[in-house]
Each structure stands twice: as structure tokens, then as C-alpha cells.
Amino acid sequence: MILVAIIACIPLLFIRQMSFYVLNDNPDIPANQCYDITAKLVKQNFGKVLLLNLSFIGWWLLVLLTLGALNVYVAPYYKTSVANLYLSLKGTVVKP
């Protein structure tokens, strides 16, 4: 039951992850429009977003093994990777 809830929340986590970048590019839009744009972006490119996050599982396990010490290196690398993914995907949102 808990596993189903976690799997159901994964797309919401990806939307939340990218919404900062959408809002940074468009500071004058309201929050609900930012959410809609981000939801379309993530829905159309879910595989790429999922693959990026899955590729960091090993890094996050190393962070756990080092009790967070490796987070000094992994967190900026992860955030930069997400930002670069957003930059490569931001022109791909197809408006209905």
C-alpha cells in the first residue's frame, strides 16, 4: 500500500523539481499557471526526467554511506544536471 502511494507521488515530485526553473524564467506568471506549464513539460518528457533521477541513485546511496559528507559534492552536481535538463527541455512544451 505504501509502495503504491510512493510510486503515485513520483510525477508530483518531478513537477515540483522543475517548477523552480519555470518560475525563474517567467517571474510574472501565477503559481497555478507555473504548475500547469511544469506539468506539461514533465508529462511530455517523463522518460528523460525519470532517467536523470534514476542515474543518481548510486550517488545518493554513497551519500547515505558517508553519512551525508559526500552531499557537498553530489547536491551541486545533481542540481546542475536538473538545471541543464530543464534548459534542454524548456522549448519542447507543445501548447494544446
Protein backbone atom coordinates (compact mmCIF):
# COMPACT_ATOMS: atom_id res chain seq x y z
CA MET A 1 0.00 0.00 0.00
CA ILE A 2 2.77 2.41 0.91
CA LEU A 3 4.74 1.44 -2.19
CA VAL A 4 1.74 2.31 -4.38
CA ALA A 5 1.49 5.73 -2.72
CA ILE A 6 5.20 6.39 -3.26
CA ILE A 7 5.01 5.39 -6.93
CA ALA A 8 1.93 7.57 -7.42
CA CYS A 9 3.76 10.60 -5.99
CA ILE A 10 6.82 10.34 -8.26
CA PRO A 11 5.36 12.52 -11.06
CA LEU A 12 4.39 15.14 -8.48
CA LEU A 13 7.95 15.20 -7.18
CA PHE A 14 9.27 15.72 -10.71
CA ILE A 15 6.81 18.57 -11.29
CA ARG A 16 7.89 20.22 -8.06
CA GLN A 17 11.53 19.74 -9.03
CA MET A 18 11.16 21.60 -12.33
CA SER A 19 8.71 24.31 -11.18
CA PHE A 20 11.51 26.46 -9.74
CA TYR A 21 13.11 26.77 -13.16
CA VAL A 22 9.83 27.60 -14.91
CA LEU A 23 9.09 30.28 -12.32
CA ASN A 24 12.61 31.63 -12.64
CA ASP A 25 12.18 32.03 -16.42
CA ASN A 26 8.70 33.57 -16.05
CA PRO A 27 8.55 35.51 -12.77
CA ASP A 28 5.30 37.29 -13.66
CA ILE A 29 3.09 34.21 -14.05
CA PRO A 30 0.85 32.99 -11.23
CA ALA A 31 1.60 29.79 -9.36
CA ASN A 32 -1.19 27.73 -10.93
CA GLN A 33 -0.01 28.61 -14.46
CA CYS A 34 3.56 27.72 -13.45
CA TYR A 35 2.29 24.36 -12.22
CA ASP A 36 0.40 23.75 -15.48
CA ILE A 37 3.44 24.57 -17.64
CA THR A 38 5.66 22.37 -15.50
CA ALA A 39 3.15 19.51 -15.55
CA LYS A 40 3.08 19.62 -19.37
CA LEU A 41 6.87 19.72 -19.52
CA VAL A 42 7.26 16.74 -17.22
CA LYS A 43 4.41 14.78 -18.83
CA GLN A 44 5.87 15.18 -22.32
CA ASN A 45 9.41 14.31 -21.19
CA PHE A 46 8.74 11.92 -18.32
CA GLY A 47 11.23 9.33 -19.55
CA LYS A 48 14.12 11.78 -19.64
CA VAL A 49 13.30 13.19 -16.20
CA LEU A 50 12.94 9.69 -14.76
CA LEU A 51 16.21 8.53 -16.32
CA LEU A 52 18.08 11.51 -14.89
CA ASN A 53 16.78 10.82 -11.40
CA LEU A 54 17.45 7.09 -11.66
CA SER A 55 21.02 7.76 -12.74
CA PHE A 56 21.69 9.44 -9.39
CA ILE A 57 20.59 6.52 -7.20
CA GLY A 58 24.18 5.33 -6.80
CA TRP A 59 25.33 8.79 -5.80
CA TRP A 60 22.57 9.12 -3.19
CA LEU A 61 23.48 5.70 -1.76
CA LEU A 62 27.08 6.89 -1.42
CA VAL A 63 25.80 9.98 0.38
CA LEU A 64 23.99 7.70 2.83
CA LEU A 65 27.09 5.53 3.32
CA THR A 66 29.22 8.58 4.12
CA LEU A 67 26.54 9.91 6.49
CA GLY A 68 25.96 12.96 4.31
CA ALA A 69 29.58 14.03 3.87
CA LEU A 70 29.53 13.33 0.13
CA ASN A 71 26.46 15.54 -0.22
CA VAL A 72 28.81 18.51 -0.53
CA TYR A 73 29.77 17.19 -3.97
CA VAL A 74 26.64 15.35 -5.05
CA ALA A 75 23.99 18.01 -4.38
CA PRO A 76 25.52 20.71 -6.66
CA TYR A 77 26.15 18.08 -9.35
CA TYR A 78 22.54 16.92 -9.13
CA LYS A 79 21.09 20.45 -9.17
CA THR A 80 23.26 21.40 -12.14
CA SER A 81 22.13 18.28 -14.00
CA VAL A 82 18.48 19.09 -13.35
CA ALA A 83 19.03 22.70 -14.48
CA ASN A 84 20.71 21.51 -17.69
CA LEU A 85 17.85 19.09 -18.32
CA TYR A 86 15.38 21.93 -17.92
CA LEU A 87 17.36 24.12 -20.32
CA SER A 88 17.34 21.37 -22.92
CA LEU A 89 13.61 20.69 -22.48
CA LYS A 90 12.12 24.15 -21.99
CA GLY A 91 11.42 24.69 -25.67
CA THR A 92 9.70 21.33 -26.08
CA VAL A 93 6.38 22.12 -24.39
CA VAL A 94 3.67 21.78 -27.02
CA LYS A 95 0.76 24.06 -26.34
CA PRO A 96 -2.63 22.41 -27.00
